[in-house]
């Protein structure tokens, strides 16, 4: 039975016209190009970036103003979904690392860092 089905399939493929084969390949290429263009169009303005500098230098007691990040995924502003970990102690000398992540399909696994150096 299996051999009979295979022979039947081979005969069907042989009967398919060259025009039909070319048309199928042409449509496949058009669909692939269309999908690639649509993906590019939807995501061309996506960004996940720090606002301001990635290295901030402060003196002890100087005010630190958090500037945050800008996150746009699929044309929608998702900056409010960004999670920041780490703190800055403006009264204590040291180096502080702030880590920014977002749990979003587009930027899953992306992490941004800002280093704040507090010195005398």
PDB file of N, CA and C in Angstrom:
ATOM      1  N   UNK A   1       0.826  -1.192   0.000  1.00  0.00           N
ATOM      2  CA  UNK A   1       0.000   0.000   0.000  1.00  0.00           C
ATOM      3  C   UNK A   1       0.868   1.253   0.000  1.00  0.00           C
ATOM      4  N   UNK A   2       1.933   1.247   0.813  1.00  0.00           N
ATOM      5  CA  UNK A   2       2.823   2.391   0.912  1.00  0.00           C
ATOM      6  C   UNK A   2       3.482   2.668  -0.438  1.00  0.00           C
ATOM      7  N   UNK A   3       3.909   1.603  -1.128  1.00  0.00           N
ATOM      8  CA  UNK A   3       4.576   1.740  -2.417  1.00  0.00           C
ATOM      9  C   UNK A   3       3.600   2.294  -3.455  1.00  0.00           C
ATOM     10  N   UNK A   4       2.361   1.860  -3.399  1.00  0.00           N
ATOM     11  CA  UNK A   4       1.342   2.324  -4.338  1.00  0.00           C
ATOM     12  C   UNK A   4       1.107   3.836  -4.154  1.00  0.00           C
ATOM     13  N   UNK A   5       1.054   4.302  -2.886  1.00  0.00           N
ATOM     14  CA  UNK A   5       0.861   5.717  -2.594  1.00  0.00           C
ATOM     15  C   UNK A   5       2.042   6.532  -3.106  1.00  0.00           C
ATOM     16  N   UNK A   6       3.260   6.022  -2.919  1.00  0.00           N
ATOM     17  CA  UNK A   6       4.449   6.724  -3.399  1.00  0.00           C
ATOM     18  C   UNK A   6       4.435   6.831  -4.922  1.00  0.00           C
ATOM     19  N   UNK A   7       4.075   5.775  -5.607  1.00  0.00           N
ATOM     20  CA  UNK A   7       4.007   5.805  -7.066  1.00  0.00           C
ATOM     21  C   UNK A   7       2.954   6.800  -7.547  1.00  0.00           C
ATOM     22  N   UNK A   8       1.831   6.843  -6.843  1.00  0.00           N
ATOM     23  CA  UNK A   8       0.758   7.758  -7.206  1.00  0.00           C
ATOM     24  C   UNK A   8       1.227   9.211  -7.063  1.00  0.00           C
ATOM     25  N   UNK A   9       1.968   9.482  -5.986  1.00  0.00           N
ATOM     26  CA  UNK A   9       2.490  10.827  -5.762  1.00  0.00           C
ATOM     27  C   UNK A   9       3.494  11.204  -6.845  1.00  0.00           C
ATOM     28  N   UNK A  10       4.365  10.289  -7.212  1.00  0.00           N
ATOM     29  CA  UNK A  10       5.345  10.556  -8.261  1.00  0.00           C
ATOM     30  C   UNK A  10       4.651  10.861  -9.587  1.00  0.00           C
ATOM     31  N   UNK A  11       3.621  10.125  -9.911  1.00  0.00           N
ATOM     32  CA  UNK A  11       2.873  10.364 -11.147  1.00  0.00           C
ATOM     33  C   UNK A  11       2.186  11.729 -11.120  1.00  0.00           C
ATOM     34  N   UNK A  12       1.657  12.109  -9.966  1.00  0.00           N
ATOM     35  CA  UNK A  12       0.990  13.403  -9.844  1.00  0.00           C
ATOM     36  C   UNK A  12       2.001  14.525 -10.052  1.00  0.00           C
ATOM     37  N   UNK A  13       3.193  14.389  -9.461  1.00  0.00           N
ATOM     38  CA  UNK A  13       4.236  15.397  -9.612  1.00  0.00           C
ATOM     39  C   UNK A  13       4.671  15.496 -11.065  1.00  0.00           C
ATOM     40  N   UNK A  14       4.811  14.371 -11.737  1.00  0.00           N
ATOM     41  CA  UNK A  14       5.212  14.375 -13.145  1.00  0.00           C
ATOM     42  C   UNK A  14       4.172  15.074 -14.009  1.00  0.00           C
ATOM     43  N   UNK A  15       2.890  14.963 -13.659  1.00  0.00           N
ATOM     44  CA  UNK A  15       1.820  15.550 -14.445  1.00  0.00           C
ATOM     45  C   UNK A  15       1.700  17.066 -14.234  1.00  0.00           C
ATOM     46  N   UNK A  16       2.291  17.594 -13.158  1.00  0.00           N
ATOM     47  CA  UNK A  16       2.210  19.014 -12.877  1.00  0.00           C
ATOM     48  C   UNK A  16       2.957  19.784 -13.954  1.00  0.00           C
ATOM     49  N   UNK A  17       2.332  20.798 -14.497  1.00  0.00           N
ATOM     50  CA  UNK A  17       2.936  21.541 -15.602  1.00  0.00           C
ATOM     51  C   UNK A  17       4.089  22.416 -15.118  1.00  0.00           C
ATOM     52  N   UNK A  18       4.964  22.761 -16.021  1.00  0.00           N
ATOM     53  CA  UNK A  18       6.097  23.629 -15.712  1.00  0.00           C
ATOM     54  C   UNK A  18       5.601  25.000 -15.278  1.00  0.00           C
ATOM     55  N   UNK A  19       4.547  25.470 -15.924  1.00  0.00           N
ATOM     56  CA  UNK A  19       3.973  26.769 -15.558  1.00  0.00           C
ATOM     57  C   UNK A  19       3.534  26.785 -14.096  1.00  0.00           C
ATOM     58  N   UNK A  20       2.895  25.737 -13.641  1.00  0.00           N
ATOM     59  CA  UNK A  20       2.425  25.655 -12.257  1.00  0.00           C
ATOM     60  C   UNK A  20       3.613  25.671 -11.290  1.00  0.00           C
ATOM     61  N   UNK A  21       4.672  24.956 -11.634  1.00  0.00           N
ATOM     62  CA  UNK A  21       5.866  24.931 -10.778  1.00  0.00           C
ATOM     63  C   UNK A  21       6.492  26.315 -10.690  1.00  0.00           C
ATOM     64  N   UNK A  22       6.627  26.976 -11.826  1.00  0.00           N
ATOM     65  CA  UNK A  22       7.216  28.319 -11.857  1.00  0.00           C
ATOM     66  C   UNK A  22       6.334  29.297 -11.086  1.00  0.00           C
ATOM     67  N   UNK A  23       5.036  29.194 -11.269  1.00  0.00           N
ATOM     68  CA  UNK A  23       4.102  30.059 -10.552  1.00  0.00           C
ATOM     69  C   UNK A  23       4.211  29.868  -9.040  1.00  0.00           C
ATOM     70  N   UNK A  24       4.326  28.638  -8.592  1.00  0.00           N
ATOM     71  CA  UNK A  24       4.469  28.348  -7.150  1.00  0.00           C
ATOM     72  C   UNK A  24       5.752  28.958  -6.595  1.00  0.00           C
ATOM     73  N   UNK A  25       6.848  28.807  -7.312  1.00  0.00           N
ATOM     74  CA  UNK A  25       8.124  29.380  -6.868  1.00  0.00           C
ATOM     75  C   UNK A  25       8.026  30.898  -6.838  1.00  0.00           C
ATOM     76  N   UNK A  26       7.439  31.486  -7.881  1.00  0.00           N
ATOM     77  CA  UNK A  26       7.280  32.936  -7.953  1.00  0.00           C
ATOM     78  C   UNK A  26       6.450  33.455  -6.775  1.00  0.00           C
ATOM     79  N   UNK A  27       5.335  32.818  -6.490  1.00  0.00           N
ATOM     80  CA  UNK A  27       4.482  33.236  -5.377  1.00  0.00           C
ATOM     81  C   UNK A  27       5.188  33.068  -4.034  1.00  0.00           C
ATOM     82  N   UNK A  28       5.957  32.013  -3.903  1.00  0.00           N
ATOM     83  CA  UNK A  28       6.717  31.799  -2.669  1.00  0.00           C
ATOM     84  C   UNK A  28       7.714  32.936  -2.453  1.00  0.00           C
ATOM     85  N   UNK A  29       8.439  33.310  -3.492  1.00  0.00           N
ATOM     86  CA  UNK A  29       9.421  34.402  -3.391  1.00  0.00           C
ATOM     87  C   UNK A  29       8.724  35.716  -3.069  1.00  0.00           C
ATOM     88  N   UNK A  30       7.594  35.995  -3.722  1.00  0.00           N
ATOM     89  CA  UNK A  30       6.836  37.224  -3.461  1.00  0.00           C
ATOM     90  C   UNK A  30       6.376  37.267  -2.003  1.00  0.00           C
ATOM     91  N   UNK A  31       5.871  36.162  -1.502  1.00  0.00           N
ATOM     92  CA  UNK A  31       5.409  36.112  -0.101  1.00  0.00           C
ATOM     93  C   UNK A  31       6.562  36.321   0.872  1.00  0.00           C
ATOM     94  N   UNK A  32       7.699  35.717   0.606  1.00  0.00           N
ATOM     95  CA  UNK A  32       8.868  35.890   1.479  1.00  0.00           C
ATOM     96  C   UNK A  32       9.316  37.352   1.496  1.00  0.00           C
ATOM     97  N   UNK A  33       9.388  37.965   0.319  1.00  0.00           N
ATOM     98  CA  UNK A  33       9.789  39.375   0.233  1.00  0.00           C
ATOM     99  C   UNK A  33       8.768  40.266   0.936  1.00  0.00           C
ATOM    100  N   UNK A  34       7.495  39.991   0.738  1.00  0.00           N
ATOM    101  CA  UNK A  34       6.443  40.770   1.397  1.00  0.00           C
ATOM    102  C   UNK A  34       6.510  40.653   2.911  1.00  0.00           C
ATOM    103  N   UNK A  35       6.765  39.455   3.404  1.00  0.00           N
ATOM    104  CA  UNK A  35       6.885  39.250   4.845  1.00  0.00           C
ATOM    105  C   UNK A  35       8.083  39.978   5.425  1.00  0.00           C
ATOM    106  N   UNK A  36       9.202  39.928   4.708  1.00  0.00           N
ATOM    107  CA  UNK A  36      10.409  40.626   5.172  1.00  0.00           C
ATOM    108  C   UNK A  36      10.177  42.135   5.194  1.00  0.00           C
ATOM    109  N   UNK A  37       9.528  42.658   4.166  1.00  0.00           N
ATOM    110  CA  UNK A  37       9.248  44.098   4.118  1.00  0.00           C
ATOM    111  C   UNK A  37       8.274  44.501   5.230  1.00  0.00           C
ATOM    112  N   UNK A  38       7.260  43.708   5.462  1.00  0.00           N
ATOM    113  CA  UNK A  38       6.290  44.018   6.521  1.00  0.00           C
ATOM    114  C   UNK A  38       6.963  44.024   7.888  1.00  0.00           C
ATOM    115  N   UNK A  39       7.819  43.050   8.136  1.00  0.00           N
ATOM    116  CA  UNK A  39       8.545  42.992   9.411  1.00  0.00           C
ATOM    117  C   UNK A  39       9.432  44.215   9.579  1.00  0.00           C
ATOM    118  N   UNK A  40      10.145  44.574   8.515  1.00  0.00           N
ATOM    119  CA  UNK A  40      11.007  45.762   8.566  1.00  0.00           C
ATOM    120  C   UNK A  40      10.186  47.016   8.840  1.00  0.00           C
ATOM    121  N   UNK A  41       9.064  47.166   8.156  1.00  0.00           N
ATOM    122  CA  UNK A  41       8.224  48.356   8.320  1.00  0.00           C
ATOM    123  C   UNK A  41       7.691  48.488   9.740  1.00  0.00           C
ATOM    124  N   UNK A  42       7.309  47.379  10.331  1.00  0.00           N
ATOM    125  CA  UNK A  42       6.734  47.404  11.680  1.00  0.00           C
ATOM    126  C   UNK A  42       7.793  47.708  12.732  1.00  0.00           C
ATOM    127  N   UNK A  43       9.024  47.247  12.529  1.00  0.00           N
ATOM    128  CA  UNK A  43      10.057  47.353  13.572  1.00  0.00           C
ATOM    129  C   UNK A  43      11.149  48.378  13.281  1.00  0.00           C
ATOM    130  N   UNK A  44      11.056  49.146  12.211  1.00  0.00           N
ATOM    131  CA  UNK A  44      12.154  50.042  11.835  1.00  0.00           C
ATOM    132  C   UNK A  44      12.414  51.148  12.858  1.00  0.00           C
ATOM    133  N   UNK A  45      11.421  51.569  13.619  1.00  0.00           N
ATOM    134  CA  UNK A  45      11.613  52.634  14.609  1.00  0.00           C
ATOM    135  C   UNK A  45      11.750  52.106  16.033  1.00  0.00           C
ATOM    136  N   UNK A  46      11.871  50.801  16.188  1.00  0.00           N
ATOM    137  CA  UNK A  46      12.020  50.226  17.524  1.00  0.00           C
ATOM    138  C   UNK A  46      13.374  50.615  18.116  1.00  0.00           C
ATOM    139  N   UNK A  47      13.356  50.894  19.413  1.00  0.00           N
ATOM    140  CA  UNK A  47      14.592  51.287  20.080  1.00  0.00           C
ATOM    141  C   UNK A  47      14.521  50.934  21.565  1.00  0.00           C
ATOM    142  N   UNK A  48      15.666  50.677  22.116  1.00  0.00           N
ATOM    143  CA  UNK A  48      15.817  50.476  23.560  1.00  0.00           C
ATOM    144  C   UNK A  48      17.161  51.098  23.905  1.00  0.00           C
ATOM    145  N   UNK A  49      17.137  52.336  24.403  1.00  0.00           N
ATOM    146  CA  UNK A  49      18.384  53.065  24.618  1.00  0.00           C
ATOM    147  C   UNK A  49      18.313  53.932  25.867  1.00  0.00           C
ATOM    148  N   UNK A  50      19.493  54.200  26.411  1.00  0.00           N
ATOM    149  CA  UNK A  50      19.599  55.070  27.578  1.00  0.00           C
ATOM    150  C   UNK A  50      19.318  56.504  27.175  1.00  0.00           C
ATOM    151  N   UNK A  51      18.683  57.245  28.062  1.00  0.00           N
ATOM    152  CA  UNK A  51      18.546  58.687  27.879  1.00  0.00           C
ATOM    153  C   UNK A  51      19.699  59.307  28.667  1.00  0.00           C
ATOM    154  N   UNK A  52      20.484  60.114  28.033  1.00  0.00           N
ATOM    155  CA  UNK A  52      21.645  60.703  28.689  1.00  0.00           C
ATOM    156  C   UNK A  52      22.867  59.811  28.533  1.00  0.00           C
ATOM    157  N   UNK A  53      23.849  60.062  29.345  1.00  0.00           N
ATOM    158  CA  UNK A  53      25.137  59.368  29.272  1.00  0.00           C
ATOM    159  C   UNK A  53      25.089  58.029  30.007  1.00  0.00           C
ATOM    160  N   UNK A  54      25.965  57.115  29.585  1.00  0.00           N
ATOM    161  CA  UNK A  54      26.051  55.822  30.260  1.00  0.00           C
ATOM    162  C   UNK A  54      27.002  55.878  31.459  1.00  0.00           C
ATOM    163  N   UNK A  55      27.787  56.960  31.556  1.00  0.00           N
ATOM    164  CA  UNK A  55      28.689  57.167  32.697  1.00  0.00           C
ATOM    165  C   UNK A  55      28.398  58.542  33.279  1.00  0.00           C
ATOM    166  N   UNK A  56      28.011  58.565  34.544  1.00  0.00           N
ATOM    167  CA  UNK A  56      27.704  59.807  35.246  1.00  0.00           C
ATOM    168  C   UNK A  56      28.700  59.938  36.393  1.00  0.00           C
ATOM    169  N   UNK A  57      29.325  61.116  36.511  1.00  0.00           N
ATOM    170  CA  UNK A  57      30.255  61.376  37.613  1.00  0.00           C
ATOM    171  C   UNK A  57      29.665  62.467  38.497  1.00  0.00           C
ATOM    172  N   UNK A  58      29.564  62.175  39.803  1.00  0.00           N
ATOM    173  CA  UNK A  58      28.999  63.101  40.780  1.00  0.00           C
ATOM    174  C   UNK A  58      29.973  63.310  41.926  1.00  0.00           C
ATOM    175  N   UNK A  59      29.827  64.446  42.584  1.00  0.00           N
ATOM    176  CA  UNK A  59      30.543  64.678  43.829  1.00  0.00           C
ATOM    177  C   UNK A  59      29.626  64.248  44.969  1.00  0.00           C
ATOM    178  N   UNK A  60      30.215  63.922  46.124  1.00  0.00           N
ATOM    179  CA  UNK A  60      29.408  63.508  47.273  1.00  0.00           C
ATOM    180  C   UNK A  60      28.385  64.601  47.584  1.00  0.00           C
ATOM    181  N   UNK A  61      27.130  64.212  47.730  1.00  0.00           N
ATOM    182  CA  UNK A  61      26.051  65.131  48.047  1.00  0.00           C
ATOM    183  C   UNK A  61      25.411  65.784  46.829  1.00  0.00           C
ATOM    184  N   UNK A  62      26.033  65.670  45.674  1.00  0.00           N
ATOM    185  CA  UNK A  62      25.463  66.268  44.463  1.00  0.00           C
ATOM    186  C   UNK A  62      24.210  65.498  44.059  1.00  0.00           C
ATOM    187  N   UNK A  63      23.234  66.225  43.527  1.00  0.00           N
ATOM    188  CA  UNK A  63      21.961  65.609  43.164  1.00  0.00           C
ATOM    189  C   UNK A  63      22.113  64.750  41.910  1.00  0.00           C
ATOM    190  N   UNK A  64      21.498  63.570  41.966  1.00  0.00           N
ATOM    191  CA  UNK A  64      21.460  62.683  40.802  1.00  0.00           C
ATOM    192  C   UNK A  64      20.034  62.652  40.279  1.00  0.00           C
ATOM    193  N   UNK A  65      19.883  62.986  39.011  1.00  0.00           N
ATOM    194  CA  UNK A  65      18.556  62.975  38.403  1.00  0.00           C
ATOM    195  C   UNK A  65      18.492  61.803  37.434  1.00  0.00           C
ATOM    196  N   UNK A  66      17.597  60.886  37.717  1.00  0.00           N
ATOM    197  CA  UNK A  66      17.420  59.699  36.871  1.00  0.00           C
ATOM    198  C   UNK A  66      16.760  60.108  35.555  1.00  0.00           C
ATOM    199  N   UNK A  67      17.426  59.799  34.447  1.00  0.00           N
ATOM    200  CA  UNK A  67      16.875  60.143  33.134  1.00  0.00           C
ATOM    201  C   UNK A  67      16.161  58.964  32.486  1.00  0.00           C
ATOM    202  N   UNK A  68      16.478  57.755  32.923  1.00  0.00           N
ATOM    203  CA  UNK A  68      15.773  56.574  32.440  1.00  0.00           C
ATOM    204  C   UNK A  68      16.187  56.111  31.065  1.00  0.00           C
ATOM    205  N   UNK A  69      15.268  55.417  30.419  1.00  0.00           N
ATOM    206  CA  UNK A  69      15.514  54.853  29.093  1.00  0.00           C
ATOM    207  C   UNK A  69      14.318  55.128  28.188  1.00  0.00           C
ATOM    208  N   UNK A  70      14.566  54.970  26.906  1.00  0.00           N
ATOM    209  CA  UNK A  70      13.507  55.086  25.902  1.00  0.00           C
ATOM    210  C   UNK A  70      13.351  53.704  25.286  1.00  0.00           C
ATOM    211  N   UNK A  71      12.133  53.180  25.322  1.00  0.00           N
ATOM    212  CA  UNK A  71      11.879  51.844  24.770  1.00  0.00           C
ATOM    213  C   UNK A  71      10.626  51.894  23.894  1.00  0.00           C
ATOM    214  N   UNK A  72      10.814  51.548  22.624  1.00  0.00           N
ATOM    215  CA  UNK A  72       9.702  51.481  21.679  1.00  0.00           C
ATOM    216  C   UNK A  72       9.766  50.125  20.996  1.00  0.00           C
ATOM    217  N   UNK A  73       8.676  49.378  21.054  1.00  0.00           N
ATOM    218  CA  UNK A  73       8.607  48.054  20.432  1.00  0.00           C
ATOM    219  C   UNK A  73       7.357  47.984  19.553  1.00  0.00           C
ATOM    220  N   UNK A  74       7.548  47.629  18.309  1.00  0.00           N
ATOM    221  CA  UNK A  74       6.457  47.514  17.339  1.00  0.00           C
ATOM    222  C   UNK A  74       5.634  48.792  17.270  1.00  0.00           C
ATOM    223  N   UNK A  75       6.330  49.942  17.350  1.00  0.00           N
ATOM    224  CA  UNK A  75       5.687  51.247  17.230  1.00  0.00           C
ATOM    225  C   UNK A  75       4.993  51.738  18.481  1.00  0.00           C
ATOM    226  N   UNK A  76       5.065  51.004  19.581  1.00  0.00           N
ATOM    227  CA  UNK A  76       4.390  51.384  20.820  1.00  0.00           C
ATOM    228  C   UNK A  76       5.428  51.715  21.895  1.00  0.00           C
ATOM    229  N   UNK A  77       5.225  52.816  22.612  1.00  0.00           N
ATOM    230  CA  UNK A  77       6.138  53.216  23.682  1.00  0.00           C
ATOM    231  C   UNK A  77       5.927  52.299  24.888  1.00  0.00           C
ATOM    232  N   UNK A  78       6.965  51.551  25.233  1.00  0.00           N
ATOM    233  CA  UNK A  78       6.883  50.626  26.372  1.00  0.00           C
ATOM    234  C   UNK A  78       7.853  51.028  27.486  1.00  0.00           C
ATOM    235  N   UNK A  79       8.240  52.300  27.501  1.00  0.00           N
ATOM    236  CA  UNK A  79       9.200  52.789  28.497  1.00  0.00           C
ATOM    237  C   UNK A  79       8.719  52.542  29.923  1.00  0.00           C
ATOM    238  N   UNK A  80       7.428  52.575  30.144  1.00  0.00           N
ATOM    239  CA  UNK A  80       6.889  52.360  31.490  1.00  0.00           C
ATOM    240  C   UNK A  80       7.061  50.915  31.955  1.00  0.00           C
ATOM    241  N   UNK A  81       7.356  50.000  31.046  1.00  0.00           N
ATOM    242  CA  UNK A  81       7.547  48.593  31.393  1.00  0.00           C
ATOM    243  C   UNK A  81       8.999  48.258  31.744  1.00  0.00           C
ATOM    244  N   UNK A  82       9.893  49.233  31.589  1.00  0.00           N
ATOM    245  CA  UNK A  82      11.309  48.999  31.871  1.00  0.00           C
ATOM    246  C   UNK A  82      11.505  48.882  33.374  1.00  0.00           C
ATOM    247  N   UNK A  83      12.287  47.892  33.776  1.00  0.00           N
ATOM    248  CA  UNK A  83      12.582  47.660  35.189  1.00  0.00           C
ATOM    249  C   UNK A  83      14.023  48.078  35.462  1.00  0.00           C
ATOM    250  N   UNK A  84      14.183  48.968  36.447  1.00  0.00           N
ATOM    251  CA  UNK A  84      15.522  49.413  36.828  1.00  0.00           C
ATOM    252  C   UNK A  84      15.899  48.766  38.147  1.00  0.00           C
ATOM    253  N   UNK A  85      17.087  48.185  38.185  1.00  0.00           N
ATOM    254  CA  UNK A  85      17.600  47.657  39.445  1.00  0.00           C
ATOM    255  C   UNK A  85      18.896  48.387  39.774  1.00  0.00           C
ATOM    256  N   UNK A  86      19.161  48.514  41.041  1.00  0.00           N
ATOM    257  CA  UNK A  86      20.348  49.233  41.504  1.00  0.00           C
ATOM    258  C   UNK A  86      19.950  50.592  42.045  1.00  0.00           C
ATOM    259  N   UNK A  87      20.773  51.102  42.963  1.00  0.00           N
ATOM    260  CA  UNK A  87      20.519  52.417  43.559  1.00  0.00           C
ATOM    261  C   UNK A  87      21.815  53.212  43.595  1.00  0.00           C
ATOM    262  N   UNK A  88      21.671  54.510  43.816  1.00  0.00           N
ATOM    263  CA  UNK A  88      22.817  55.406  43.934  1.00  0.00           C
ATOM    264  C   UNK A  88      22.753  56.074  45.297  1.00  0.00           C
ATOM    265  N   UNK A  89      23.816  55.903  46.087  1.00  0.00           N
ATOM    266  CA  UNK A  89      23.922  56.579  47.380  1.00  0.00           C
ATOM    267  C   UNK A  89      24.792  57.816  47.164  1.00  0.00           C
ATOM    268  N   UNK A  90      24.150  58.978  47.104  1.00  0.00           N
ATOM    269  CA  UNK A  90      24.859  60.230  46.798  1.00  0.00           C
ATOM    270  C   UNK A  90      25.771  60.669  47.938  1.00  0.00           C
ATOM    271  N   UNK A  91      25.606  60.075  49.111  1.00  0.00           N
ATOM    272  CA  UNK A  91      26.393  60.475  50.268  1.00  0.00           C
ATOM    273  C   UNK A  91      27.628  59.601  50.490  1.00  0.00           C
ATOM    274  N   UNK A  92      27.746  58.510  49.709  1.00  0.00           N
ATOM    275  CA  UNK A  92      28.846  57.567  49.903  1.00  0.00           C
ATOM    276  C   UNK A  92      29.653  57.431  48.617  1.00  0.00           C
ATOM    277  N   UNK A  93      30.973  57.584  48.768  1.00  0.00           N
ATOM    278  CA  UNK A  93      31.881  57.445  47.633  1.00  0.00           C
ATOM    279  C   UNK A  93      31.813  56.011  47.102  1.00  0.00           C
ATOM    280  N   UNK A  94      31.791  55.871  45.781  1.00  0.00           N
ATOM    281  CA  UNK A  94      31.766  54.538  45.189  1.00  0.00           C
ATOM    282  C   UNK A  94      31.243  54.550  43.764  1.00  0.00           C
ATOM    283  N   UNK A  95      31.219  53.355  43.189  1.00  0.00           N
ATOM    284  CA  UNK A  95      30.693  53.173  41.838  1.00  0.00           C
ATOM    285  C   UNK A  95      29.391  52.384  41.934  1.00  0.00           C
ATOM    286  N   UNK A  96      28.381  52.870  41.276  1.00  0.00           N
ATOM    287  CA  UNK A  96      27.060  52.257  41.322  1.00  0.00           C
ATOM    288  C   UNK A  96      26.616  51.905  39.896  1.00  0.00           C
ATOM    289  N   UNK A  97      26.101  50.702  39.738  1.00  0.00           N
ATOM    290  CA  UNK A  97      25.641  50.242  38.430  1.00  0.00           C
ATOM    291  C   UNK A  97      24.118  50.151  38.459  1.00  0.00           C
ATOM    292  N   UNK A  98      23.490  50.808  37.497  1.00  0.00           N
ATOM    293  CA  UNK A  98      22.046  50.720  37.329  1.00  0.00           C
ATOM    294  C   UNK A  98      21.790  49.831  36.119  1.00  0.00           C
ATOM    295  N   UNK A  99      20.894  48.887  36.281  1.00  0.00           N
ATOM    296  CA  UNK A  99      20.592  47.913  35.229  1.00  0.00           C
ATOM    297  C   UNK A  99      19.156  48.104  34.767  1.00  0.00           C
ATOM    298  N   UNK A 100      18.980  48.189  33.454  1.00  0.00           N
ATOM    299  CA  UNK A 100      17.648  48.383  32.873  1.00  0.00           C
ATOM    300  C   UNK A 100      17.298  47.180  32.006  1.00  0.00           C
ATOM    301  N   UNK A 101      16.139  46.580  32.277  1.00  0.00           N
ATOM    302  CA  UNK A 101      15.652  45.451  31.476  1.00  0.00           C
ATOM    303  C   UNK A 101      14.170  45.662  31.193  1.00  0.00           C
ATOM    304  N   UNK A 102      13.699  44.987  30.169  1.00  0.00           N
ATOM    305  CA  UNK A 102      12.274  45.047  29.849  1.00  0.00           C
ATOM    306  C   UNK A 102      11.832  43.644  29.463  1.00  0.00           C
ATOM    307  N   UNK A 103      10.708  43.223  30.016  1.00  0.00           N
ATOM    308  CA  UNK A 103      10.184  41.896  29.722  1.00  0.00           C
ATOM    309  C   UNK A 103       9.178  42.028  28.582  1.00  0.00           C
ATOM    310  N   UNK A 104       9.716  42.103  27.374  1.00  0.00           N
ATOM    311  CA  UNK A 104       8.904  42.318  26.188  1.00  0.00           C
ATOM    312  C   UNK A 104       9.411  41.382  25.101  1.00  0.00           C
ATOM    313  N   UNK A 105       8.525  40.890  24.255  1.00  0.00           N
ATOM    314  CA  UNK A 105       8.906  39.964  23.197  1.00  0.00           C
ATOM    315  C   UNK A 105      10.036  40.522  22.329  1.00  0.00           C
ATOM    316  N   UNK A 106       9.971  41.777  21.978  1.00  0.00           N
ATOM    317  CA  UNK A 106      10.949  42.388  21.068  1.00  0.00           C
ATOM    318  C   UNK A 106      12.321  42.523  21.711  1.00  0.00           C
ATOM    319  N   UNK A 107      12.385  42.907  22.966  1.00  0.00           N
ATOM    320  CA  UNK A 107      13.670  43.185  23.621  1.00  0.00           C
ATOM    321  C   UNK A 107      13.993  42.216  24.752  1.00  0.00           C
ATOM    322  N   UNK A 108      13.394  41.056  24.734  1.00  0.00           N
ATOM    323  CA  UNK A 108      13.674  40.069  25.776  1.00  0.00           C
ATOM    324  C   UNK A 108      15.155  39.683  25.706  1.00  0.00           C
ATOM    325  N   UNK A 109      15.821  39.756  26.824  1.00  0.00           N
ATOM    326  CA  UNK A 109      17.240  39.420  26.869  1.00  0.00           C
ATOM    327  C   UNK A 109      18.155  40.624  26.705  1.00  0.00           C
ATOM    328  N   UNK A 110      17.606  41.789  26.328  1.00  0.00           N
ATOM    329  CA  UNK A 110      18.415  42.999  26.215  1.00  0.00           C
ATOM    330  C   UNK A 110      18.556  43.625  27.595  1.00  0.00           C
ATOM    331  N   UNK A 111      19.761  44.116  27.878  1.00  0.00           N
ATOM    332  CA  UNK A 111      20.015  44.795  29.140  1.00  0.00           C
ATOM    333  C   UNK A 111      20.877  46.016  28.862  1.00  0.00           C
ATOM    334  N   UNK A 112      20.547  47.129  29.497  1.00  0.00           N
ATOM    335  CA  UNK A 112      21.346  48.341  29.403  1.00  0.00           C
ATOM    336  C   UNK A 112      21.883  48.669  30.790  1.00  0.00           C
ATOM    337  N   UNK A 113      23.066  49.272  30.812  1.00  0.00           N
ATOM    338  CA  UNK A 113      23.697  49.615  32.088  1.00  0.00           C
ATOM    339  C   UNK A 113      24.099  51.082  32.096  1.00  0.00           C
ATOM    340  N   UNK A 114      23.961  51.684  33.281  1.00  0.00           N
ATOM    341  CA  UNK A 114      24.441  53.045  33.502  1.00  0.00           C
ATOM    342  C   UNK A 114      25.334  52.990  34.738  1.00  0.00           C
ATOM    343  N   UNK A 115      26.506  53.579  34.632  1.00  0.00           N
ATOM    344  CA  UNK A 115      27.452  53.593  35.755  1.00  0.00           C
ATOM    345  C   UNK A 115      27.480  55.005  36.346  1.00  0.00           C
ATOM    346  N   UNK A 116      27.271  55.072  37.664  1.00  0.00           N
ATOM    347  CA  UNK A 116      27.312  56.347  38.371  1.00  0.00           C
ATOM    348  C   UNK A 116      28.475  56.287  39.364  1.00  0.00           C
ATOM    349  N   UNK A 117      29.411  57.220  39.209  1.00  0.00           N
ATOM    350  CA  UNK A 117      30.582  57.273  40.075  1.00  0.00           C
ATOM    351  C   UNK A 117      30.422  58.463  40.997  1.00  0.00           C
ATOM    352  N   UNK A 118      30.422  58.209  42.306  1.00  0.00           N
ATOM    353  CA  UNK A 118      30.338  59.259  43.309  1.00  0.00           C
ATOM    354  C   UNK A 118      31.733  59.385  43.923  1.00  0.00           C
ATOM    355  N   UNK A 119      32.301  60.591  43.817  1.00  0.00           N
ATOM    356  CA  UNK A 119      33.657  60.812  44.343  1.00  0.00           C
ATOM    357  C   UNK A 119      33.666  62.116  45.156  1.00  0.00           C
ATOM    358  N   UNK A 120      34.798  62.345  45.810  1.00  0.00           N
ATOM    359  CA  UNK A 120      34.932  63.547  46.649  1.00  0.00           C
ATOM    360  C   UNK A 120      35.209  64.763  45.813  1.00  0.00           C
TER     361      UNK A 120
END
